[in-house]
Protein backbone atom coordinates (compact mmCIF):
# COMPACT_ATOMS: atom_id res chain seq x y z
CA UNK A 1 120.73 68.60 17.58
CA UNK A 2 124.31 70.68 19.04
CA UNK A 3 124.24 73.05 22.03
CA UNK A 4 125.65 76.36 21.90
CA UNK A 5 128.79 75.86 23.05
CA UNK A 6 128.37 79.73 24.77
CA UNK A 7 125.89 78.60 26.19
CA UNK A 8 127.15 75.42 28.51
CA UNK A 9 128.08 76.03 31.84
CA UNK A 10 131.61 76.91 32.33
CA UNK A 11 133.27 74.99 34.89
CA UNK A 12 135.65 77.43 36.00
CA UNK A 13 133.21 80.48 36.14
CA UNK A 14 132.66 81.94 39.21
CA UNK A 15 129.32 82.06 41.51
CA UNK A 16 127.10 84.67 41.55
CA UNK A 17 127.76 86.12 44.96
CA UNK A 18 124.74 87.62 44.65
CA UNK A 19 122.90 84.16 44.81
CA UNK A 20 125.69 82.44 46.60
CA UNK A 21 123.80 81.39 49.73
CA UNK A 22 126.15 81.87 53.18
CA UNK A 23 124.91 81.74 56.45
CA UNK A 24 122.95 84.66 58.02
CA UNK A 25 124.01 85.67 62.26
CA UNK A 26 120.50 85.80 63.78
CA UNK A 27 121.06 87.31 67.13
CA UNK A 28 118.96 86.47 69.73
CA UNK A 29 117.74 89.27 70.40
CA UNK A 30 116.45 87.81 74.17
CA UNK A 31 120.46 88.34 75.19
CA UNK A 32 120.63 91.67 73.88
CA UNK A 33 121.42 94.28 76.72
CA UNK A 34 118.90 96.60 76.85
CA UNK A 35 120.52 99.97 78.61
CA UNK A 36 117.48 101.17 80.12
CA UNK A 37 117.92 98.26 82.20
CA UNK A 38 121.37 98.54 83.18
CA UNK A 39 120.59 102.23 84.62
CA UNK A 40 117.19 100.82 86.93
CA UNK A 41 119.70 99.72 89.75
CA UNK A 42 120.96 103.70 89.72
CA UNK A 43 118.42 105.44 89.14
CA UNK A 44 117.02 103.36 92.11
CA UNK A 45 119.80 104.19 94.94
CA UNK A 46 119.75 107.62 93.53
CA UNK A 47 115.46 107.73 94.63
CA UNK A 48 116.87 106.22 97.65
CA UNK A 49 119.53 108.67 98.49
CA UNK A 50 116.96 111.38 98.38
CA UNK A 51 113.80 109.68 99.42
CA UNK A 52 115.33 107.62 102.82
CA UNK A 53 116.50 111.51 104.11
CA UNK A 54 112.95 113.27 102.91
CA UNK A 55 111.28 110.86 104.90
CA UNK A 56 113.52 110.78 108.32
CA UNK A 57 112.24 114.92 107.80
CA UNK A 58 108.86 113.64 107.52
CA UNK A 59 108.87 111.49 109.88
CA UNK A 60 110.37 114.33 112.90
CA UNK A 61 107.89 116.94 112.02
CA UNK A 62 104.95 114.34 111.93
CA UNK A 63 106.48 113.65 115.25
CA UNK A 64 106.50 116.98 116.64
CA UNK A 65 102.95 117.33 116.24
CA UNK A 66 102.09 114.19 117.90
CA UNK A 67 103.89 116.04 120.95
CA UNK A 68 101.95 119.44 120.78
CA UNK A 69 98.46 117.35 123.57
CA UNK A 70 102.35 116.54 125.75
CA UNK A 71 102.31 112.92 124.42
CA UNK A 72 103.35 111.09 121.60
CA UNK A 73 100.84 107.99 120.80
CA UNK A 74 98.70 106.33 120.10
CA UNK A 75 97.32 107.58 116.93
CA UNK A 76 97.67 108.03 113.71
CA UNK A 77 100.29 110.60 113.95
CA UNK A 78 102.30 107.77 116.02
CA UNK A 79 101.15 104.98 113.64
CA UNK A 80 102.13 107.46 109.94
CA UNK A 81 105.39 108.92 111.90
CA UNK A 82 106.67 105.50 112.13
CA UNK A 83 105.53 104.43 109.00
CA UNK A 84 107.46 107.30 107.33
CA UNK A 85 110.42 106.19 109.43
CA UNK A 86 110.19 102.46 108.36
CA UNK A 87 110.47 103.84 104.90
CA UNK A 88 112.99 105.41 105.41
CA UNK A 89 115.08 102.82 106.71
CA UNK A 90 114.21 100.72 104.27
CA UNK A 91 115.39 103.14 101.72
CA UNK A 92 118.22 103.49 103.29
CA UNK A 93 119.61 100.07 102.48
CA UNK A 94 119.77 100.51 98.59
CA UNK A 95 121.66 104.02 99.25
CA UNK A 96 124.15 102.06 101.93
CA UNK A 97 124.52 99.75 98.42
CA UNK A 98 125.11 102.44 96.55
CA UNK A 99 127.55 104.29 98.33
CA UNK A 100 129.93 101.13 98.08
CA UNK A 101 129.36 100.99 94.76
CA UNK A 102 131.57 104.24 94.41
CA UNK A 103 133.71 103.46 96.96
CA UNK A 104 134.53 100.41 94.13
CA UNK A 105 133.53 97.41 96.35
CA UNK A 106 136.59 96.81 98.40
CA UNK A 107 136.63 94.54 101.62
CA UNK A 108 136.29 97.87 103.35
CA UNK A 109 132.89 99.23 101.27
CA UNK A 110 131.43 95.63 102.04
CA UNK A 111 131.63 94.90 105.55
CA UNK A 112 130.70 98.41 106.29
CA UNK A 113 127.32 99.09 104.04
CA UNK A 114 126.42 95.06 105.63
CA UNK A 115 126.72 96.59 108.57
CA UNK A 116 125.28 99.40 107.93
CA UNK A 117 121.97 96.93 106.79
CA UNK A 118 121.77 94.87 109.60
CA UNK A 119 121.67 97.96 111.87
CA UNK A 120 118.79 99.01 109.54
CA UNK A 121 117.29 95.90 110.08
CA UNK A 122 117.30 96.25 113.62
CA UNK A 123 116.30 99.48 113.69
CA UNK A 124 113.52 98.61 111.67
CA UNK A 125 112.21 95.56 114.36
CA UNK A 126 112.01 98.49 116.66
CA UNK A 127 109.63 100.71 115.20
CA UNK A 128 107.51 97.55 114.30
CA UNK A 129 107.47 96.79 117.57
CA UNK A 130 106.54 100.17 118.41
CA UNK A 131 103.67 100.34 115.30
CA UNK A 132 102.69 97.23 117.18
CA UNK A 133 102.12 98.63 120.18
CA UNK A 134 100.09 101.49 118.47
CA UNK A 135 97.56 99.91 117.07
CA UNK A 136 96.79 97.50 119.53
CA UNK A 137 97.02 99.73 123.32
CA UNK A 138 93.95 101.69 123.79
CA UNK A 139 96.15 104.31 126.06
CA UNK A 140 99.77 105.68 126.15
CA UNK A 141 100.22 103.57 129.10
CA UNK A 142 99.01 100.61 127.85
CA UNK A 143 100.81 101.17 124.63
CA UNK A 144 104.13 101.95 127.03
CA UNK A 145 103.09 98.27 128.59
CA UNK A 146 103.58 96.78 125.90
CA UNK A 147 106.97 98.25 124.85
CA UNK A 148 108.12 97.63 127.30
CA UNK A 149 106.79 93.63 128.13
CA UNK A 150 109.35 93.46 124.34
CA UNK A 151 112.30 94.77 125.79
CA UNK A 152 111.86 92.97 128.37
CA UNK A 153 112.50 90.14 125.97
CA UNK A 154 115.98 89.06 126.28
CA UNK A 155 118.64 90.73 123.79
CA UNK A 156 115.48 92.67 122.58
CA UNK A 157 116.31 96.38 124.56
CA UNK A 158 120.29 95.68 123.37
CA UNK A 159 120.35 94.43 120.03
CA UNK A 160 116.69 96.13 118.65
CA UNK A 161 116.69 99.54 120.99
CA UNK A 162 120.45 100.28 121.58
CA UNK A 163 123.53 98.29 119.19
CA UNK A 164 121.06 98.70 116.34
CA UNK A 165 120.34 101.97 115.48
CA UNK A 166 124.02 102.84 116.38
CA UNK A 167 125.52 100.63 113.91
CA UNK A 168 123.42 102.37 111.41
CA UNK A 169 124.52 105.37 111.96
CA UNK A 170 128.04 104.56 112.82
CA UNK A 171 128.57 102.55 109.56
CA UNK A 172 126.48 105.08 107.77
CA UNK A 173 129.29 107.79 108.67
CA UNK A 174 132.37 105.28 108.75
CA UNK A 175 131.62 104.73 104.68
CA UNK A 176 130.66 108.02 103.66
CA UNK A 177 134.61 109.23 105.35
CA UNK A 178 135.44 106.19 102.96
CA UNK A 179 133.97 107.62 100.41
CA UNK A 180 136.26 110.99 100.93
CA UNK A 181 139.24 108.93 101.75
CA UNK A 182 138.76 107.21 97.85
CA UNK A 183 138.23 110.60 97.04
CA UNK A 184 134.89 109.70 95.68
CA UNK A 185 132.97 112.50 96.90
CA UNK A 186 134.18 115.84 98.48
CA UNK A 187 135.59 115.92 101.93
CA UNK A 188 132.98 117.97 103.40
CA UNK A 189 130.65 114.98 102.99
CA UNK A 190 130.93 113.21 105.39
CA UNK A 191 130.70 115.84 107.90
CA UNK A 192 127.08 116.65 106.70
CA UNK A 193 126.29 112.75 106.79
CA UNK A 194 127.89 113.22 110.84
CA UNK A 195 125.92 115.53 111.70
CA UNK A 196 122.64 114.02 110.56
CA UNK A 197 123.21 110.84 112.12
CA UNK A 198 124.48 113.34 115.46
CA UNK A 199 122.20 115.93 115.90
CA UNK A 200 118.80 113.48 116.43
CA UNK A 201 120.68 111.72 119.27
CA UNK A 202 120.55 115.73 120.49
CA UNK A 203 117.43 115.78 120.67
CA UNK A 204 114.54 114.14 118.77
CA UNK A 205 112.91 117.12 118.38
CA UNK A 206 115.84 117.97 115.31
CA UNK A 207 115.28 115.18 113.27
CA UNK A 208 113.91 117.13 110.38
CA UNK A 209 117.67 119.11 110.84
CA UNK A 210 119.01 116.08 110.70
CA UNK A 211 117.54 114.45 107.85
CA UNK A 212 117.86 117.65 105.42
CA UNK A 213 121.94 117.39 106.37
CA UNK A 214 121.56 114.37 105.33
CA UNK A 215 120.22 115.15 101.71
CA UNK A 216 122.43 117.79 101.52
CA UNK A 217 125.95 115.42 102.05
CA UNK A 218 123.75 112.85 99.71
CA UNK A 219 124.10 115.47 96.98
CA UNK A 220 127.36 114.30 95.40
CA UNK A 221 126.08 111.09 95.14
CA UNK A 222 123.77 111.66 92.79
CA UNK A 223 126.33 113.24 90.55
CA UNK A 224 128.85 110.23 90.81
CA UNK A 225 128.64 108.56 87.33
CA UNK A 226 131.18 105.82 87.90
CA UNK A 227 132.41 104.24 90.72
CA UNK A 228 136.20 104.07 91.51
CA UNK A 229 138.02 101.20 91.75
CA UNK A 230 138.09 98.58 94.46
CA UNK A 231 140.39 99.07 96.96
CA UNK A 232 140.86 98.44 100.71
CA UNK A 233 140.89 100.98 103.37
CA UNK A 234 144.92 101.09 104.01
């Protein structure tokens, strides 16, 4: 029996590309970047830029109500107001980091933001002392005694009640000035932030005004999309 030559496989016949087996590259889904995840830190920071000043306003308002009877603390208003500002101080941390990001993550912005975070941590310690004293005290005089005893601990009054808050507000203001210097924000922004930091020092009753000024100063940061090139303050 003879074989039909037309059915024989020709040695030079090209392989059917449809039947060819090519290696298929499989993308590891764990290595893909979810755009929503990359935006989360910025969203968190922008939330903090709004919430931190508003919580400052809330603290100032609750503090004013607490003082209607002539004394402040202990009680629900004292504790609630202080908790509001504790939350504000915590949220000022991502706010400072966002200001550093927008400034370009340079040396000056990094050091200043770090100083601000240290100041916020020391301020947080002050408010924790006040809250604990308010919860444990039997009355206003007893609360003042407890706070006084805490301040008598070596270094507490200087670091927690004096240097810490000043360091926080100075760093926040300097970082705002730096942002204007690198043209990341308009020149009025650091003015608003500085006034928001200074006004409460004139009178604690002006805390709500200071919070609103701070909120207004942060508005340009809510609109900023990309950081400027990294640079250091000359």
